[in-house]
N, C-alpha and C. Protein backbone atom coordinates (compact mmCIF):
# COMPACT_ATOMS: atom_id res chain seq x y z
N MET A 1 -1.34 27.64 43.53
CA MET A 1 -0.08 27.37 42.91
C MET A 1 -0.10 26.03 42.13
N LYS A 2 -0.76 25.13 42.75
CA LYS A 2 -0.88 23.77 42.13
C LYS A 2 -1.59 23.93 40.73
N ASN A 3 -2.65 24.71 40.66
CA ASN A 3 -3.39 24.88 39.43
C ASN A 3 -2.50 25.54 38.34
N ILE A 4 -1.65 26.45 38.73
CA ILE A 4 -0.76 27.10 37.78
C ILE A 4 0.18 26.06 37.14
N TRP A 5 0.72 25.17 38.01
CA TRP A 5 1.62 24.10 37.43
C TRP A 5 0.86 23.17 36.51
N ILE A 6 -0.37 22.86 36.83
CA ILE A 6 -1.15 21.97 35.97
C ILE A 6 -1.40 22.66 34.63
N ILE A 7 -1.73 23.94 34.63
CA ILE A 7 -1.90 24.69 33.41
C ILE A 7 -0.67 24.73 32.63
N ILE A 8 0.50 24.96 33.27
CA ILE A 8 1.80 25.04 32.52
C ILE A 8 2.10 23.69 31.87
N VAL A 9 1.93 22.61 32.65
CA VAL A 9 2.18 21.24 32.09
C VAL A 9 1.28 20.94 30.94
N LEU A 10 0.01 21.25 31.09
CA LEU A 10 -0.96 21.00 29.97
C LEU A 10 -0.58 21.81 28.74
N GLY A 11 -0.20 23.09 28.94
CA GLY A 11 0.22 23.93 27.86
C GLY A 11 1.41 23.35 27.11
N LEU A 12 2.41 22.85 27.85
CA LEU A 12 3.55 22.27 27.24
C LEU A 12 3.21 21.00 26.44
N VAL A 13 2.31 20.21 27.01
CA VAL A 13 1.88 18.95 26.29
C VAL A 13 1.19 19.33 24.98
N LEU A 14 0.29 20.29 25.04
CA LEU A 14 -0.43 20.75 23.87
C LEU A 14 0.55 21.33 22.80
N LEU A 15 1.49 22.09 23.26
CA LEU A 15 2.47 22.63 22.31
C LEU A 15 3.28 21.53 21.65
N SER A 16 3.64 20.51 22.41
CA SER A 16 4.41 19.44 21.82
C SER A 16 3.63 18.65 20.81
N CYS A 17 2.30 18.50 21.08
CA CYS A 17 1.44 17.84 20.17
C CYS A 17 1.29 18.58 18.83
N ILE A 18 1.14 19.93 18.99
CA ILE A 18 1.02 20.77 17.80
C ILE A 18 2.28 20.64 16.93
N LYS A 19 3.42 20.74 17.58
CA LYS A 19 4.72 20.68 16.89
C LYS A 19 4.86 19.34 16.16
N GLU A 20 4.46 18.26 16.86
CA GLU A 20 4.61 16.94 16.32
C GLU A 20 3.74 16.77 15.08
N ARG A 21 2.45 17.24 15.15
CA ARG A 21 1.56 17.07 14.05
C ARG A 21 2.01 17.92 12.84
N GLN A 22 2.57 19.11 13.08
CA GLN A 22 3.02 19.94 11.96
C GLN A 22 4.22 19.20 11.30
N GLY A 23 5.02 18.54 12.10
CA GLY A 23 6.18 17.85 11.49
C GLY A 23 5.85 16.69 10.55
N GLU A 24 4.58 16.20 10.66
CA GLU A 24 4.15 15.05 9.79
C GLU A 24 3.84 15.51 8.40
N GLU A 25 3.65 16.77 8.15
CA GLU A 25 3.29 17.20 6.80
C GLU A 25 4.44 17.03 5.87
N LEU A 26 4.11 16.57 4.68
CA LEU A 26 5.18 16.41 3.62
C LEU A 26 5.68 17.79 3.18
N THR A 27 6.90 17.84 2.79
CA THR A 27 7.48 19.06 2.28
C THR A 27 8.13 18.80 0.94
N VAL A 28 8.50 19.91 0.27
CA VAL A 28 9.22 19.78 -1.03
C VAL A 28 10.48 18.97 -0.77
N GLY A 29 10.73 18.01 -1.66
CA GLY A 29 11.92 17.14 -1.55
C GLY A 29 11.58 15.80 -0.92
N ASP A 30 10.41 15.68 -0.25
CA ASP A 30 10.00 14.36 0.31
C ASP A 30 9.47 13.49 -0.88
N ARG A 31 9.52 12.20 -0.60
CA ARG A 31 8.93 11.22 -1.54
C ARG A 31 7.45 11.01 -1.16
N LEU A 32 6.67 10.70 -2.15
CA LEU A 32 5.24 10.42 -1.88
C LEU A 32 5.17 9.22 -0.87
N PRO A 33 4.21 9.30 0.07
CA PRO A 33 4.05 8.18 1.02
C PRO A 33 3.39 7.00 0.34
N ASP A 34 3.44 5.87 0.97
CA ASP A 34 2.82 4.66 0.51
C ASP A 34 1.30 4.92 0.55
N PHE A 35 0.56 4.78 -0.54
CA PHE A 35 -0.86 4.84 -0.53
C PHE A 35 -1.38 4.21 -1.82
N GLU A 36 -2.65 3.85 -1.83
CA GLU A 36 -3.31 3.28 -2.97
C GLU A 36 -4.76 3.63 -2.90
N VAL A 37 -5.31 4.07 -4.04
CA VAL A 37 -6.74 4.45 -4.13
C VAL A 37 -7.29 3.93 -5.45
N VAL A 38 -8.63 3.71 -5.44
CA VAL A 38 -9.36 3.32 -6.66
C VAL A 38 -10.03 4.55 -7.16
N MET A 39 -9.77 4.83 -8.42
CA MET A 39 -10.36 6.00 -9.06
C MET A 39 -11.74 5.80 -9.58
N SER A 40 -12.47 6.84 -9.84
CA SER A 40 -13.84 6.75 -10.33
C SER A 40 -14.00 6.02 -11.61
N ASP A 41 -12.90 5.98 -12.42
CA ASP A 41 -12.94 5.22 -13.70
C ASP A 41 -12.54 3.77 -13.53
N GLY A 42 -12.32 3.34 -12.28
CA GLY A 42 -11.98 1.95 -12.01
C GLY A 42 -10.45 1.68 -11.90
N SER A 43 -9.67 2.65 -12.33
CA SER A 43 -8.19 2.38 -12.28
C SER A 43 -7.68 2.53 -10.88
N VAL A 44 -6.59 1.85 -10.63
CA VAL A 44 -5.92 1.93 -9.37
C VAL A 44 -4.70 2.86 -9.46
N VAL A 45 -4.59 3.79 -8.54
CA VAL A 45 -3.39 4.66 -8.51
C VAL A 45 -2.70 4.49 -7.11
N ASN A 46 -1.39 4.35 -7.16
CA ASN A 46 -0.64 4.29 -5.92
C ASN A 46 0.67 5.03 -6.07
N ASP A 47 1.39 5.12 -5.01
CA ASP A 47 2.65 5.89 -5.00
C ASP A 47 3.67 5.25 -6.00
N GLU A 48 3.68 3.92 -6.17
CA GLU A 48 4.59 3.30 -7.11
C GLU A 48 4.28 3.69 -8.52
N ILE A 49 3.03 3.66 -8.92
CA ILE A 49 2.58 4.01 -10.27
C ILE A 49 2.95 5.45 -10.50
N LEU A 50 2.68 6.35 -9.58
CA LEU A 50 2.94 7.78 -9.78
C LEU A 50 4.45 8.06 -9.87
N SER A 51 5.25 7.19 -9.32
CA SER A 51 6.74 7.43 -9.35
C SER A 51 7.39 7.13 -10.69
N TYR A 52 6.65 6.48 -11.58
CA TYR A 52 7.20 6.18 -12.94
C TYR A 52 7.45 7.45 -13.81
N GLY A 53 6.75 8.54 -13.47
CA GLY A 53 6.96 9.79 -14.23
C GLY A 53 6.44 10.98 -13.43
N VAL A 54 6.16 12.05 -14.12
CA VAL A 54 5.67 13.25 -13.48
C VAL A 54 4.22 13.00 -13.09
N SER A 55 3.83 13.48 -11.85
CA SER A 55 2.49 13.27 -11.34
C SER A 55 1.98 14.44 -10.61
N VAL A 56 0.66 14.50 -10.47
CA VAL A 56 -0.06 15.53 -9.69
C VAL A 56 -1.01 14.81 -8.77
N VAL A 57 -0.94 15.18 -7.49
CA VAL A 57 -1.85 14.63 -6.48
C VAL A 57 -2.61 15.85 -5.89
N MET A 58 -3.93 15.72 -5.82
CA MET A 58 -4.70 16.83 -5.23
C MET A 58 -5.73 16.26 -4.24
N PHE A 59 -5.81 16.90 -3.12
CA PHE A 59 -6.81 16.63 -2.12
C PHE A 59 -7.87 17.78 -2.16
N PHE A 60 -9.15 17.36 -2.00
CA PHE A 60 -10.20 18.39 -2.07
C PHE A 60 -11.42 17.93 -1.37
N HIS A 61 -12.36 18.86 -1.19
CA HIS A 61 -13.70 18.61 -0.71
C HIS A 61 -14.61 19.54 -1.48
N THR A 62 -15.68 19.04 -2.04
CA THR A 62 -16.45 19.89 -2.98
C THR A 62 -17.18 21.02 -2.31
N SER A 63 -17.36 21.02 -0.97
CA SER A 63 -18.01 22.17 -0.30
C SER A 63 -17.01 23.23 0.08
N CYS A 64 -15.76 23.01 -0.13
CA CYS A 64 -14.66 23.98 0.19
C CYS A 64 -14.61 25.05 -0.91
N PRO A 65 -14.82 26.32 -0.60
CA PRO A 65 -14.77 27.36 -1.62
C PRO A 65 -13.43 27.44 -2.38
N ASP A 66 -12.34 27.25 -1.64
CA ASP A 66 -11.01 27.25 -2.32
C ASP A 66 -10.87 26.08 -3.26
N CYS A 67 -11.36 24.90 -2.88
CA CYS A 67 -11.32 23.75 -3.74
C CYS A 67 -12.23 24.01 -4.98
N GLN A 68 -13.33 24.70 -4.80
CA GLN A 68 -14.22 25.00 -5.92
C GLN A 68 -13.51 25.91 -6.93
N GLN A 69 -12.56 26.72 -6.47
CA GLN A 69 -11.75 27.54 -7.40
C GLN A 69 -10.71 26.68 -8.10
N ALA A 70 -10.14 25.74 -7.33
CA ALA A 70 -8.99 24.97 -7.85
C ALA A 70 -9.40 23.80 -8.79
N LEU A 71 -10.59 23.21 -8.54
CA LEU A 71 -10.99 22.08 -9.36
C LEU A 71 -11.09 22.39 -10.87
N PRO A 72 -11.73 23.49 -11.30
CA PRO A 72 -11.73 23.72 -12.76
C PRO A 72 -10.34 23.98 -13.32
N ARG A 73 -9.46 24.56 -12.54
CA ARG A 73 -8.09 24.75 -13.04
C ARG A 73 -7.40 23.42 -13.16
N MET A 74 -7.64 22.50 -12.22
CA MET A 74 -7.05 21.22 -12.33
C MET A 74 -7.65 20.44 -13.53
N GLN A 75 -8.89 20.67 -13.85
CA GLN A 75 -9.53 20.02 -15.02
C GLN A 75 -8.73 20.52 -16.26
N GLN A 76 -8.46 21.82 -16.35
CA GLN A 76 -7.69 22.38 -17.48
C GLN A 76 -6.31 21.72 -17.57
N ILE A 77 -5.64 21.59 -16.44
CA ILE A 77 -4.30 20.98 -16.37
C ILE A 77 -4.39 19.50 -16.82
N TYR A 78 -5.39 18.82 -16.32
CA TYR A 78 -5.59 17.45 -16.68
C TYR A 78 -5.85 17.31 -18.19
N ASP A 79 -6.66 18.14 -18.74
CA ASP A 79 -6.99 18.10 -20.15
C ASP A 79 -5.73 18.32 -20.99
N GLU A 80 -4.88 19.17 -20.58
CA GLU A 80 -3.68 19.49 -21.28
C GLU A 80 -2.47 18.47 -21.14
N TYR A 81 -2.36 17.92 -19.94
CA TYR A 81 -1.19 17.13 -19.58
C TYR A 81 -1.42 15.61 -19.44
N ALA A 82 -2.61 15.14 -19.27
CA ALA A 82 -2.80 13.72 -19.13
C ALA A 82 -2.37 12.97 -20.36
N SER A 83 -2.63 13.53 -21.56
CA SER A 83 -2.27 12.90 -22.82
C SER A 83 -0.76 12.97 -23.06
N LYS A 84 -0.05 13.79 -22.26
CA LYS A 84 1.39 13.95 -22.38
C LYS A 84 2.14 13.05 -21.38
N GLY A 85 1.39 12.18 -20.72
CA GLY A 85 2.01 11.21 -19.79
C GLY A 85 2.04 11.62 -18.38
N VAL A 86 1.49 12.74 -17.99
CA VAL A 86 1.43 13.11 -16.59
C VAL A 86 0.31 12.33 -15.90
N SER A 87 0.60 11.74 -14.74
CA SER A 87 -0.38 10.99 -13.98
C SER A 87 -1.04 11.84 -12.98
N PHE A 88 -2.33 11.59 -12.72
CA PHE A 88 -3.09 12.38 -11.77
C PHE A 88 -3.79 11.52 -10.78
N ALA A 89 -3.90 12.00 -9.51
CA ALA A 89 -4.62 11.38 -8.47
C ALA A 89 -5.37 12.49 -7.70
N LEU A 90 -6.65 12.64 -7.98
CA LEU A 90 -7.47 13.59 -7.23
C LEU A 90 -8.22 12.78 -6.16
N VAL A 91 -8.07 13.16 -4.94
CA VAL A 91 -8.62 12.37 -3.80
C VAL A 91 -9.43 13.30 -2.89
N SER A 92 -10.70 12.81 -2.68
CA SER A 92 -11.48 13.65 -1.75
C SER A 92 -11.04 13.38 -0.29
N ARG A 93 -11.24 14.43 0.51
CA ARG A 93 -10.96 14.28 1.92
C ARG A 93 -12.35 14.25 2.66
N GLU A 94 -12.62 13.06 3.15
CA GLU A 94 -13.88 12.85 3.93
C GLU A 94 -15.11 13.21 3.11
N GLU A 95 -15.19 12.74 1.91
CA GLU A 95 -16.41 13.01 1.10
C GLU A 95 -16.65 11.82 0.18
N GLY A 96 -17.86 11.25 0.29
CA GLY A 96 -18.22 10.09 -0.42
C GLY A 96 -18.46 10.30 -1.94
N ALA A 97 -18.48 9.15 -2.63
CA ALA A 97 -18.59 9.18 -4.06
C ALA A 97 -19.88 9.85 -4.57
N GLU A 98 -21.00 9.67 -3.88
CA GLU A 98 -22.19 10.22 -4.31
C GLU A 98 -22.14 11.77 -4.40
N ASN A 99 -21.65 12.41 -3.34
CA ASN A 99 -21.49 13.86 -3.27
C ASN A 99 -20.49 14.36 -4.39
N VAL A 100 -19.36 13.69 -4.46
CA VAL A 100 -18.36 14.07 -5.44
C VAL A 100 -18.84 13.96 -6.86
N ASP A 101 -19.49 12.85 -7.12
CA ASP A 101 -20.03 12.59 -8.46
C ASP A 101 -21.11 13.64 -8.85
N MET A 102 -21.95 13.93 -7.94
CA MET A 102 -23.01 14.93 -8.18
C MET A 102 -22.38 16.35 -8.47
N TYR A 103 -21.38 16.70 -7.69
CA TYR A 103 -20.73 17.99 -7.88
C TYR A 103 -19.95 18.02 -9.26
N PHE A 104 -19.20 16.94 -9.50
CA PHE A 104 -18.49 16.94 -10.77
C PHE A 104 -19.43 16.98 -11.97
N LYS A 105 -20.55 16.32 -11.93
CA LYS A 105 -21.50 16.38 -13.08
C LYS A 105 -22.08 17.74 -13.18
N LYS A 106 -22.43 18.39 -12.05
CA LYS A 106 -23.05 19.73 -12.06
C LYS A 106 -22.04 20.73 -12.62
N LYS A 107 -20.76 20.59 -12.32
CA LYS A 107 -19.77 21.58 -12.80
C LYS A 107 -19.06 21.16 -14.12
N GLY A 108 -19.44 20.05 -14.64
CA GLY A 108 -18.82 19.56 -15.93
C GLY A 108 -17.42 19.09 -15.77
N LEU A 109 -17.01 18.66 -14.62
CA LEU A 109 -15.67 18.12 -14.40
C LEU A 109 -15.62 16.68 -14.85
N LYS A 110 -14.63 16.30 -15.60
CA LYS A 110 -14.54 14.95 -16.15
C LYS A 110 -13.35 14.14 -15.70
N LEU A 111 -12.49 14.76 -14.96
CA LEU A 111 -11.26 14.02 -14.50
C LEU A 111 -11.57 12.98 -13.47
N PRO A 112 -10.86 11.85 -13.46
CA PRO A 112 -11.15 10.79 -12.49
C PRO A 112 -10.76 11.29 -11.10
N TYR A 113 -11.43 10.73 -10.13
CA TYR A 113 -11.14 11.06 -8.70
C TYR A 113 -11.35 9.81 -7.85
N SER A 114 -10.83 9.85 -6.64
CA SER A 114 -11.02 8.76 -5.70
C SER A 114 -11.76 9.37 -4.51
N ALA A 115 -12.99 8.91 -4.23
CA ALA A 115 -13.78 9.40 -3.10
C ALA A 115 -13.36 8.64 -1.88
N GLN A 116 -12.97 9.35 -0.82
CA GLN A 116 -12.57 8.75 0.46
C GLN A 116 -13.50 9.26 1.54
N ASN A 117 -14.11 8.39 2.26
CA ASN A 117 -15.05 8.76 3.32
C ASN A 117 -14.36 9.17 4.64
N ASP A 118 -13.02 9.01 4.65
CA ASP A 118 -12.28 9.36 5.85
C ASP A 118 -11.02 10.14 5.50
N ARG A 119 -10.11 10.27 6.41
CA ARG A 119 -8.87 11.06 6.17
C ARG A 119 -7.63 10.15 6.17
N LYS A 120 -7.79 8.87 6.01
CA LYS A 120 -6.68 7.93 6.14
C LYS A 120 -5.60 8.25 5.08
N VAL A 121 -5.98 8.41 3.81
CA VAL A 121 -4.99 8.74 2.78
C VAL A 121 -4.50 10.15 2.99
N TYR A 122 -5.39 11.07 3.20
CA TYR A 122 -5.00 12.50 3.35
C TYR A 122 -3.96 12.67 4.49
N GLU A 123 -4.17 11.96 5.61
CA GLU A 123 -3.30 12.18 6.72
C GLU A 123 -1.87 11.60 6.46
N LYS A 124 -1.66 10.83 5.42
CA LYS A 124 -0.36 10.42 5.02
C LYS A 124 0.47 11.56 4.42
N PHE A 125 -0.27 12.60 3.92
CA PHE A 125 0.29 13.79 3.32
C PHE A 125 0.31 14.95 4.21
N ALA A 126 -0.76 15.20 4.93
CA ALA A 126 -0.92 16.45 5.67
C ALA A 126 -1.95 16.30 6.81
N GLN A 127 -2.05 17.33 7.58
CA GLN A 127 -3.04 17.34 8.69
C GLN A 127 -4.10 18.38 8.49
N THR A 128 -3.77 19.45 7.77
CA THR A 128 -4.69 20.60 7.58
C THR A 128 -4.61 21.13 6.15
N ARG A 129 -5.55 21.90 5.81
CA ARG A 129 -5.66 22.69 4.53
C ARG A 129 -5.99 21.88 3.28
N ILE A 130 -7.01 22.34 2.64
CA ILE A 130 -7.34 21.91 1.27
C ILE A 130 -7.78 23.15 0.54
N PRO A 131 -7.64 23.20 -0.72
CA PRO A 131 -7.02 22.17 -1.56
C PRO A 131 -5.56 22.00 -1.19
N ARG A 132 -5.04 20.87 -1.49
CA ARG A 132 -3.61 20.60 -1.32
C ARG A 132 -3.19 19.88 -2.54
N ILE A 133 -2.27 20.46 -3.30
CA ILE A 133 -1.81 20.00 -4.58
C ILE A 133 -0.30 19.72 -4.51
N TYR A 134 0.10 18.50 -4.93
CA TYR A 134 1.50 18.12 -5.00
C TYR A 134 1.87 17.87 -6.46
N ILE A 135 2.93 18.54 -6.91
CA ILE A 135 3.45 18.25 -8.26
C ILE A 135 4.76 17.53 -8.05
N CYS A 136 4.86 16.33 -8.61
CA CYS A 136 6.04 15.45 -8.29
C CYS A 136 6.82 15.11 -9.59
N GLU A 137 8.09 14.92 -9.40
CA GLU A 137 8.93 14.53 -10.51
C GLU A 137 9.06 12.97 -10.53
N LYS A 138 9.66 12.44 -11.53
CA LYS A 138 9.90 11.01 -11.59
C LYS A 138 10.57 10.54 -10.31
N GLY A 139 10.14 9.39 -9.83
CA GLY A 139 10.68 8.91 -8.56
C GLY A 139 9.78 9.30 -7.41
N GLY A 140 8.71 9.99 -7.71
CA GLY A 140 7.74 10.43 -6.63
C GLY A 140 8.24 11.43 -5.71
N ILE A 141 9.21 12.26 -6.17
CA ILE A 141 9.77 13.31 -5.27
C ILE A 141 8.91 14.58 -5.50
N ILE A 142 8.50 15.13 -4.39
CA ILE A 142 7.60 16.33 -4.44
C ILE A 142 8.45 17.55 -4.76
N ARG A 143 8.07 18.21 -5.85
CA ARG A 143 8.80 19.46 -6.24
C ARG A 143 8.00 20.72 -5.89
N TYR A 144 6.68 20.68 -5.86
CA TYR A 144 5.86 21.85 -5.57
C TYR A 144 4.67 21.38 -4.68
N ILE A 145 4.28 22.24 -3.75
CA ILE A 145 3.08 22.01 -2.93
C ILE A 145 2.30 23.32 -3.01
N PHE A 146 1.01 23.21 -3.30
CA PHE A 146 0.14 24.34 -3.29
C PHE A 146 -1.03 24.07 -2.34
N THR A 147 -1.45 25.11 -1.62
CA THR A 147 -2.56 24.98 -0.69
C THR A 147 -3.55 26.10 -0.96
N ASP A 148 -4.32 26.48 -0.02
CA ASP A 148 -5.26 27.53 -0.14
C ASP A 148 -4.72 28.90 0.22
N ASP A 149 -3.39 28.97 0.34
CA ASP A 149 -2.77 30.23 0.80
C ASP A 149 -1.67 30.74 -0.19
N PRO A 150 -1.95 31.22 -1.30
CA PRO A 150 -3.33 31.43 -1.91
C PRO A 150 -3.57 30.18 -2.83
N VAL A 151 -4.84 30.12 -3.23
CA VAL A 151 -5.21 29.01 -4.16
C VAL A 151 -4.41 29.32 -5.46
N PRO A 152 -3.75 28.23 -5.99
CA PRO A 152 -2.88 28.48 -7.15
C PRO A 152 -3.70 28.78 -8.44
N SER A 153 -3.21 29.67 -9.26
CA SER A 153 -3.83 29.99 -10.54
C SER A 153 -3.49 28.88 -11.52
N TYR A 154 -4.19 28.86 -12.65
CA TYR A 154 -3.87 27.90 -13.71
C TYR A 154 -2.43 28.16 -14.21
N ASP A 155 -2.01 29.39 -14.32
CA ASP A 155 -0.67 29.73 -14.79
C ASP A 155 0.39 29.22 -13.82
N GLN A 156 0.13 29.36 -12.54
CA GLN A 156 1.14 28.86 -11.53
C GLN A 156 1.22 27.34 -11.64
N LEU A 157 0.10 26.66 -11.72
CA LEU A 157 0.18 25.18 -11.86
C LEU A 157 0.83 24.79 -13.14
N LYS A 158 0.51 25.41 -14.23
CA LYS A 158 1.09 25.07 -15.53
C LYS A 158 2.60 25.32 -15.56
N SER A 159 3.07 26.48 -15.04
CA SER A 159 4.48 26.75 -15.09
C SER A 159 5.26 25.82 -14.18
N SER A 160 4.69 25.48 -13.03
CA SER A 160 5.36 24.52 -12.14
C SER A 160 5.44 23.14 -12.75
N LEU A 161 4.38 22.72 -13.38
CA LEU A 161 4.37 21.43 -14.04
C LEU A 161 5.37 21.43 -15.22
N GLU A 162 5.40 22.45 -16.00
CA GLU A 162 6.32 22.57 -17.13
C GLU A 162 7.77 22.49 -16.66
N GLU A 163 8.07 23.10 -15.48
CA GLU A 163 9.40 23.11 -14.98
C GLU A 163 9.78 21.66 -14.57
N VAL A 164 8.90 20.94 -14.04
CA VAL A 164 9.14 19.58 -13.60
C VAL A 164 9.30 18.65 -14.79
N ILE A 165 8.50 18.86 -15.83
CA ILE A 165 8.55 18.03 -17.05
C ILE A 165 9.93 18.26 -17.76
N HIS A 166 10.37 19.50 -17.82
CA HIS A 166 11.64 19.77 -18.56
C HIS A 166 12.71 19.86 -17.68
């Protein structure tokens, strides 16, 4: 009987931890959390800079098959919208600059990124799932969130971004 109570208590503790961690994920309508990263081109991007206008934040890992689908689409979005004033922050999740740089060169990706060897920045946004893409309006308010379920198409990203811009 004692073992049953221990199992029940442990189960409740685990469930409360799961619930708490899920509650930490940002949702549509939330403001971008405080963060700052240095991009591969030497520029600094933070939540304050991104709040000046429309922005896109993406978390990825180059060995992730879903990220491999999303990164070329993000390159297209970047090529089309960076010159129109949309700010971008592509941030690796637990992947160093050497690996990211090698992958980007191999795939012809030219957009700036911030390589992070840990999950410190990522965990301010979420606990699970990549790719994770946030499209934000002026003020740093999240209007759209895309993950790997399903990986967003170029058209989905573009139409969501267009809606936020207009």
